PDB file of N, CA and C in Angstrom:
ATOM      1  N   MET A   1      12.757  -0.955   4.189  1.00  0.00           N
ATOM      2  CA  MET A   1      12.660  -0.662   2.777  1.00  0.00           C
ATOM      3  C   MET A   1      12.424   0.822   2.611  1.00  0.00           C
ATOM      4  N   CYS A   2      13.059   1.387   1.666  1.00  0.00           N
ATOM      5  CA  CYS A   2      12.851   2.798   1.351  1.00  0.00           C
ATOM      6  C   CYS A   2      11.531   2.932   0.627  1.00  0.00           C
ATOM      7  N   GLY A   3      10.683   3.849   1.053  1.00  0.00           N
ATOM      8  CA  GLY A   3       9.374   4.040   0.449  1.00  0.00           C
ATOM      9  C   GLY A   3       9.430   4.304  -1.041  1.00  0.00           C
ATOM     10  N   GLU A   4      10.401   5.094  -1.474  1.00  0.00           N
ATOM     11  CA  GLU A   4      10.522   5.382  -2.899  1.00  0.00           C
ATOM     12  C   GLU A   4      10.906   4.137  -3.690  1.00  0.00           C
ATOM     13  N   MET A   5      11.611   3.227  -3.064  1.00  0.00           N
ATOM     14  CA  MET A   5      11.988   1.981  -3.736  1.00  0.00           C
ATOM     15  C   MET A   5      10.788   1.049  -3.875  1.00  0.00           C
ATOM     16  N   ALA A   6       9.763   1.278  -3.087  1.00  0.00           N
ATOM     17  CA  ALA A   6       8.552   0.455  -3.155  1.00  0.00           C
ATOM     18  C   ALA A   6       7.697   0.832  -4.349  1.00  0.00           C
ATOM     19  N   GLY A   7       8.023   1.924  -5.010  1.00  0.00           N
ATOM     20  CA  GLY A   7       7.214   2.382  -6.132  1.00  0.00           C
ATOM     21  C   GLY A   7       6.257   3.454  -5.674  1.00  0.00           C
ATOM     22  N   ASP A   8       5.123   3.495  -6.285  1.00  0.00           N
ATOM     23  CA  ASP A   8       4.102   4.475  -5.935  1.00  0.00           C
ATOM     24  C   ASP A   8       3.682   4.288  -4.484  1.00  0.00           C
ATOM     25  N   GLU A   9       3.317   5.385  -3.829  1.00  0.00           N
ATOM     26  CA  GLU A   9       2.882   5.314  -2.428  1.00  0.00           C
ATOM     27  C   GLU A   9       1.692   4.386  -2.234  1.00  0.00           C
ATOM     28  N   ILE A  10       0.952   4.142  -3.289  1.00  0.00           N
ATOM     29  CA  ILE A  10      -0.220   3.276  -3.192  1.00  0.00           C
ATOM     30  C   ILE A  10       0.180   1.837  -2.831  1.00  0.00           C
ATOM     31  N   ALA A  11       1.452   1.500  -3.009  1.00  0.00           N
ATOM     32  CA  ALA A  11       1.942   0.163  -2.644  1.00  0.00           C
ATOM     33  C   ALA A  11       2.105   0.003  -1.135  1.00  0.00           C
ATOM     34  N   ILE A  12       2.175   1.091  -0.397  1.00  0.00           N
ATOM     35  CA  ILE A  12       2.432   1.027   1.037  1.00  0.00           C
ATOM     36  C   ILE A  12       1.402   0.171   1.789  1.00  0.00           C
ATOM     37  N   PRO A  13       0.084   0.337   1.563  1.00  0.00           N
ATOM     38  CA  PRO A  13      -0.865  -0.524   2.286  1.00  0.00           C
ATOM     39  C   PRO A  13      -0.658  -2.011   1.997  1.00  0.00           C
ATOM     40  N   ILE A  14      -0.266  -2.332   0.774  1.00  0.00           N
ATOM     41  CA  ILE A  14      -0.012  -3.736   0.421  1.00  0.00           C
ATOM     42  C   ILE A  14       1.208  -4.250   1.176  1.00  0.00           C
ATOM     43  N   LEU A  15       2.266  -3.455   1.184  1.00  0.00           N
ATOM     44  CA  LEU A  15       3.492  -3.873   1.868  1.00  0.00           C
ATOM     45  C   LEU A  15       3.265  -4.013   3.369  1.00  0.00           C
ATOM     46  N   LEU A  16       2.487  -3.109   3.955  1.00  0.00           N
ATOM     47  CA  LEU A  16       2.159  -3.225   5.374  1.00  0.00           C
ATOM     48  C   LEU A  16       1.331  -4.483   5.626  1.00  0.00           C
ATOM     49  N   GLY A  17       0.418  -4.779   4.715  1.00  0.00           N
ATOM     50  CA  GLY A  17      -0.395  -5.982   4.835  1.00  0.00           C
ATOM     51  C   GLY A  17       0.418  -7.255   4.743  1.00  0.00           C
ATOM     52  N   LEU A  18       1.548  -7.174   4.037  1.00  0.00           N
ATOM     53  CA  LEU A  18       2.447  -8.327   3.930  1.00  0.00           C
ATOM     54  C   LEU A  18       3.391  -8.440   5.122  1.00  0.00           C
ATOM     55  N   GLY A  19       3.344  -7.457   6.020  1.00  0.00           N
ATOM     56  CA  GLY A  19       4.147  -7.530   7.234  1.00  0.00           C
ATOM     57  C   GLY A  19       5.348  -6.609   7.282  1.00  0.00           C
ATOM     58  N   LEU A  20       5.620  -5.875   6.224  1.00  0.00           N
ATOM     59  CA  LEU A  20       6.718  -4.921   6.222  1.00  0.00           C
ATOM     60  C   LEU A  20       6.259  -3.691   6.984  1.00  0.00           C
ATOM     61  N   ASP A  21       6.964  -3.317   8.042  1.00  0.00           N
ATOM     62  CA  ASP A  21       6.478  -2.209   8.857  1.00  0.00           C
ATOM     63  C   ASP A  21       7.491  -1.105   9.105  1.00  0.00           C
ATOM     64  N   GLU A  22       8.583  -1.100   8.375  1.00  0.00           N
ATOM     65  CA  GLU A  22       9.554  -0.021   8.522  1.00  0.00           C
ATOM     66  C   GLU A  22       9.853   0.574   7.164  1.00  0.00           C
ATOM     67  N   PHE A  23       9.722   1.900   7.081  1.00  0.00           N
ATOM     68  CA  PHE A  23       9.952   2.602   5.828  1.00  0.00           C
ATOM     69  C   PHE A  23      10.814   3.825   6.072  1.00  0.00           C
ATOM     70  N   SER A  24      11.578   4.183   5.103  1.00  0.00           N
ATOM     71  CA  SER A  24      12.296   5.442   5.085  1.00  0.00           C
ATOM     72  C   SER A  24      11.781   6.178   3.855  1.00  0.00           C
ATOM     73  N   MET A  25      11.158   7.329   4.087  1.00  0.00           N
ATOM     74  CA  MET A  25      10.554   8.052   2.976  1.00  0.00           C
ATOM     75  C   MET A  25      10.906   9.525   3.045  1.00  0.00           C
ATOM     76  N   SER A  26      10.864  10.168   1.895  1.00  0.00           N
ATOM     77  CA  SER A  26      11.072  11.613   1.866  1.00  0.00           C
ATOM     78  C   SER A  26       9.834  12.315   2.411  1.00  0.00           C
ATOM     79  N   ALA A  27       9.992  13.543   2.799  1.00  0.00           N
ATOM     80  CA  ALA A  27       8.883  14.311   3.374  1.00  0.00           C
ATOM     81  C   ALA A  27       7.735  14.453   2.388  1.00  0.00           C
ATOM     82  N   THR A  28       8.028  14.553   1.109  1.00  0.00           N
ATOM     83  CA  THR A  28       6.958  14.708   0.120  1.00  0.00           C
ATOM     84  C   THR A  28       6.171  13.419  -0.079  1.00  0.00           C
ATOM     85  N   SER A  29       6.796  12.277   0.126  1.00  0.00           N
ATOM     86  CA  SER A  29       6.111  10.994  -0.054  1.00  0.00           C
ATOM     87  C   SER A  29       5.314  10.578   1.169  1.00  0.00           C
ATOM     88  N   ILE A  30       5.766  10.950   2.340  1.00  0.00           N
ATOM     89  CA  ILE A  30       5.144  10.463   3.573  1.00  0.00           C
ATOM     90  C   ILE A  30       3.715  10.970   3.742  1.00  0.00           C
ATOM     91  N   LEU A  31       3.411  12.173   3.285  1.00  0.00           N
ATOM     92  CA  LEU A  31       2.070  12.719   3.463  1.00  0.00           C
ATOM     93  C   LEU A  31       1.019  11.901   2.722  1.00  0.00           C
ATOM     94  N   LYS A  32       1.276  11.568   1.468  1.00  0.00           N
ATOM     95  CA  LYS A  32       0.332  10.762   0.698  1.00  0.00           C
ATOM     96  C   LYS A  32       0.220   9.364   1.295  1.00  0.00           C
ATOM     97  N   ALA A  33       1.350   8.783   1.708  1.00  0.00           N
ATOM     98  CA  ALA A  33       1.340   7.444   2.295  1.00  0.00           C
ATOM     99  C   ALA A  33       0.541   7.427   3.597  1.00  0.00           C
ATOM    100  N   ARG A  34       0.712   8.437   4.430  1.00  0.00           N
ATOM    101  CA  ARG A  34      -0.032   8.499   5.700  1.00  0.00           C
ATOM    102  C   ARG A  34      -1.531   8.553   5.473  1.00  0.00           C
ATOM    103  N   SER A  35      -1.961   9.329   4.482  1.00  0.00           N
ATOM    104  CA  SER A  35      -3.400   9.415   4.230  1.00  0.00           C
ATOM    105  C   SER A  35      -3.952   8.069   3.767  1.00  0.00           C
ATOM    106  N   LEU A  36      -3.185   7.319   2.986  1.00  0.00           N
ATOM    107  CA  LEU A  36      -3.617   5.982   2.568  1.00  0.00           C
ATOM    108  C   LEU A  36      -3.672   5.030   3.754  1.00  0.00           C
ATOM    109  N   ILE A  37      -2.653   5.071   4.591  1.00  0.00           N
ATOM    110  CA  ILE A  37      -2.557   4.164   5.732  1.00  0.00           C
ATOM    111  C   ILE A  37      -3.705   4.412   6.714  1.00  0.00           C
ATOM    112  N   ARG A  38      -4.057   5.655   6.934  1.00  0.00           N
ATOM    113  CA  ARG A  38      -5.116   5.988   7.901  1.00  0.00           C
ATOM    114  C   ARG A  38      -6.497   5.523   7.451  1.00  0.00           C
ATOM    115  N   LYS A  39      -6.656   5.271   6.160  1.00  0.00           N
ATOM    116  CA  LYS A  39      -7.952   4.845   5.646  1.00  0.00           C
ATOM    117  C   LYS A  39      -8.210   3.359   5.854  1.00  0.00           C
ATOM    118  N   LEU A  40      -7.178   2.588   6.206  1.00  0.00           N
ATOM    119  CA  LEU A  40      -7.312   1.135   6.326  1.00  0.00           C
ATOM    120  C   LEU A  40      -6.824   0.643   7.678  1.00  0.00           C
ATOM    121  N   THR A  41      -7.483  -0.367   8.209  1.00  0.00           N
ATOM    122  CA  THR A  41      -6.996  -1.023   9.420  1.00  0.00           C
ATOM    123  C   THR A  41      -5.928  -2.035   9.026  1.00  0.00           C
ATOM    124  N   LYS A  42      -5.202  -2.535   9.995  1.00  0.00           N
ATOM    125  CA  LYS A  42      -4.189  -3.550   9.724  1.00  0.00           C
ATOM    126  C   LYS A  42      -4.844  -4.779   9.086  1.00  0.00           C
ATOM    127  N   ALA A  43      -6.003  -5.173   9.584  1.00  0.00           N
ATOM    128  CA  ALA A  43      -6.720  -6.324   9.024  1.00  0.00           C
ATOM    129  C   ALA A  43      -7.115  -6.055   7.573  1.00  0.00           C
ATOM    130  N   ASP A  44      -7.547  -4.821   7.277  1.00  0.00           N
ATOM    131  CA  ASP A  44      -7.896  -4.466   5.899  1.00  0.00           C
ATOM    132  C   ASP A  44      -6.677  -4.556   4.990  1.00  0.00           C
ATOM    133  N   MET A  45      -5.526  -4.092   5.482  1.00  0.00           N
ATOM    134  CA  MET A  45      -4.298  -4.146   4.681  1.00  0.00           C
ATOM    135  C   MET A  45      -3.863  -5.588   4.431  1.00  0.00           C
ATOM    136  N   GLU A  46      -4.018  -6.442   5.431  1.00  0.00           N
ATOM    137  CA  GLU A  46      -3.676  -7.852   5.261  1.00  0.00           C
ATOM    138  C   GLU A  46      -4.592  -8.506   4.226  1.00  0.00           C
ATOM    139  N   LYS A  47      -5.879  -8.200   4.294  1.00  0.00           N
ATOM    140  CA  LYS A  47      -6.843  -8.740   3.333  1.00  0.00           C
ATOM    141  C   LYS A  47      -6.531  -8.223   1.927  1.00  0.00           C
ATOM    142  N   LEU A  48      -6.206  -6.947   1.815  1.00  0.00           N
ATOM    143  CA  LEU A  48      -5.856  -6.347   0.533  1.00  0.00           C
ATOM    144  C   LEU A  48      -4.615  -7.016  -0.053  1.00  0.00           C
ATOM    145  N   ALA A  49      -3.588  -7.192   0.772  1.00  0.00           N
ATOM    146  CA  ALA A  49      -2.349  -7.812   0.300  1.00  0.00           C
ATOM    147  C   ALA A  49      -2.614  -9.221  -0.220  1.00  0.00           C
ATOM    148  N   GLU A  50      -3.427  -9.974   0.496  1.00  0.00           N
ATOM    149  CA  GLU A  50      -3.763 -11.329   0.074  1.00  0.00           C
ATOM    150  C   GLU A  50      -4.504 -11.325  -1.265  1.00  0.00           C
ATOM    151  N   SER A  51      -5.425 -10.388  -1.412  1.00  0.00           N
ATOM    152  CA  SER A  51      -6.219 -10.358  -2.642  1.00  0.00           C
ATOM    153  C   SER A  51      -5.409  -9.916  -3.861  1.00  0.00           C
ATOM    154  N   VAL A  52      -4.490  -8.949  -3.694  1.00  0.00           N
ATOM    155  CA  VAL A  52      -3.743  -8.465  -4.863  1.00  0.00           C
ATOM    156  C   VAL A  52      -2.693  -9.458  -5.333  1.00  0.00           C
ATOM    157  N   LEU A  53      -2.308 -10.388  -4.478  1.00  0.00           N
ATOM    158  CA  LEU A  53      -1.349 -11.408  -4.911  1.00  0.00           C
ATOM    159  C   LEU A  53      -1.936 -12.309  -5.990  1.00  0.00           C
ATOM    160  N   GLN A  54      -3.254 -12.310  -6.103  1.00  0.00           N
ATOM    161  CA  GLN A  54      -3.939 -13.134  -7.107  1.00  0.00           C
ATOM    162  C   GLN A  54      -4.117 -12.405  -8.445  1.00  0.00           C
ATOM    163  N   LEU A  55      -3.807 -11.127  -8.492  1.00  0.00           N
ATOM    164  CA  LEU A  55      -4.035 -10.335  -9.702  1.00  0.00           C
ATOM    165  C   LEU A  55      -2.866 -10.447 -10.676  1.00  0.00           C
ATOM    166  N   ASP A  56      -3.180 -10.267 -11.958  1.00  0.00           N
ATOM    167  CA  ASP A  56      -2.186 -10.487 -13.009  1.00  0.00           C
ATOM    168  C   ASP A  56      -1.459  -9.239 -13.494  1.00  0.00           C
ATOM    169  N   THR A  57      -2.075  -8.063 -13.328  1.00  0.00           N
ATOM    170  CA  THR A  57      -1.468  -6.862 -13.880  1.00  0.00           C
ATOM    171  C   THR A  57      -1.327  -5.761 -12.833  1.00  0.00           C
ATOM    172  N   ASN A  58      -0.403  -4.879 -13.090  1.00  0.00           N
ATOM    173  CA  ASN A  58      -0.198  -3.724 -12.220  1.00  0.00           C
ATOM    174  C   ASN A  58      -1.451  -2.854 -12.183  1.00  0.00           C
ATOM    175  N   GLU A  59      -2.107  -2.731 -13.319  1.00  0.00           N
ATOM    176  CA  GLU A  59      -3.324  -1.929 -13.396  1.00  0.00           C
ATOM    177  C   GLU A  59      -4.408  -2.496 -12.487  1.00  0.00           C
ATOM    178  N   ALA A  60      -4.530  -3.819 -12.463  1.00  0.00           N
ATOM    179  CA  ALA A  60      -5.533  -4.460 -11.605  1.00  0.00           C
ATOM    180  C   ALA A  60      -5.205  -4.231 -10.133  1.00  0.00           C
ATOM    181  N   VAL A  61      -3.923  -4.264  -9.794  1.00  0.00           N
ATOM    182  CA  VAL A  61      -3.498  -4.008  -8.406  1.00  0.00           C
ATOM    183  C   VAL A  61      -3.815  -2.564  -8.032  1.00  0.00           C
ATOM    184  N   MET A  62      -3.484  -1.636  -8.900  1.00  0.00           N
ATOM    185  CA  MET A  62      -3.744  -0.224  -8.631  1.00  0.00           C
ATOM    186  C   MET A  62      -5.244   0.020  -8.451  1.00  0.00           C
ATOM    187  N   GLU A  63      -6.059  -0.621  -9.275  1.00  0.00           N
ATOM    188  CA  GLU A  63      -7.505  -0.478  -9.172  1.00  0.00           C
ATOM    189  C   GLU A  63      -8.020  -1.051  -7.831  1.00  0.00           C
ATOM    190  N   ALA A  64      -7.512  -2.203  -7.444  1.00  0.00           N
ATOM    191  CA  ALA A  64      -7.936  -2.828  -6.194  1.00  0.00           C
ATOM    192  C   ALA A  64      -7.574  -1.960  -4.989  1.00  0.00           C
ATOM    193  N   VAL A  65      -6.374  -1.417  -4.991  1.00  0.00           N
ATOM    194  CA  VAL A  65      -5.956  -0.556  -3.885  1.00  0.00           C
ATOM    195  C   VAL A  65      -6.776   0.725  -3.881  1.00  0.00           C
ATOM    196  N   GLY A  66      -7.014   1.288  -5.048  1.00  0.00           N
ATOM    197  CA  GLY A  66      -7.824   2.497  -5.142  1.00  0.00           C
ATOM    198  C   GLY A  66      -9.212   2.298  -4.560  1.00  0.00           C
ATOM    199  N   LYS A  67      -9.823   1.157  -4.849  1.00  0.00           N
ATOM    200  CA  LYS A  67     -11.151   0.850  -4.300  1.00  0.00           C
ATOM    201  C   LYS A  67     -11.087   0.657  -2.787  1.00  0.00           C
ATOM    202  N   ALA A  68     -10.030   0.039  -2.306  1.00  0.00           N
ATOM    203  CA  ALA A  68      -9.906  -0.249  -0.876  1.00  0.00           C
ATOM    204  C   ALA A  68      -9.738   1.009  -0.034  1.00  0.00           C
ATOM    205  N   VAL A  69      -9.073   2.008  -0.563  1.00  0.00           N
ATOM    206  CA  VAL A  69      -8.781   3.204   0.233  1.00  0.00           C
ATOM    207  C   VAL A  69      -9.816   4.313   0.062  1.00  0.00           C
ATOM    208  N   LYS A  70     -10.821   4.092  -0.748  1.00  0.00           N
ATOM    209  CA  LYS A  70     -11.868   5.120  -0.912  1.00  0.00           C
ATOM    210  C   LYS A  70     -12.928   4.979   0.106  1.00  0.00           C
TER     211      LYS A  70
END
């Protein structure tokens, strides 16, 4: 999946948690995505992905990911 097609880079930890592990991204997008990925373990990303599937709005997902990567 192309990283830009995934939407905001904040979606990357969720997609990795769901098992998607190959991305094609532009140089400007990869830096932000790498910093997010380094903040979470694979187990954390899997737990995050499971939890956001229960949320109803994009805002709630963004908030959950923001809390997870801080």
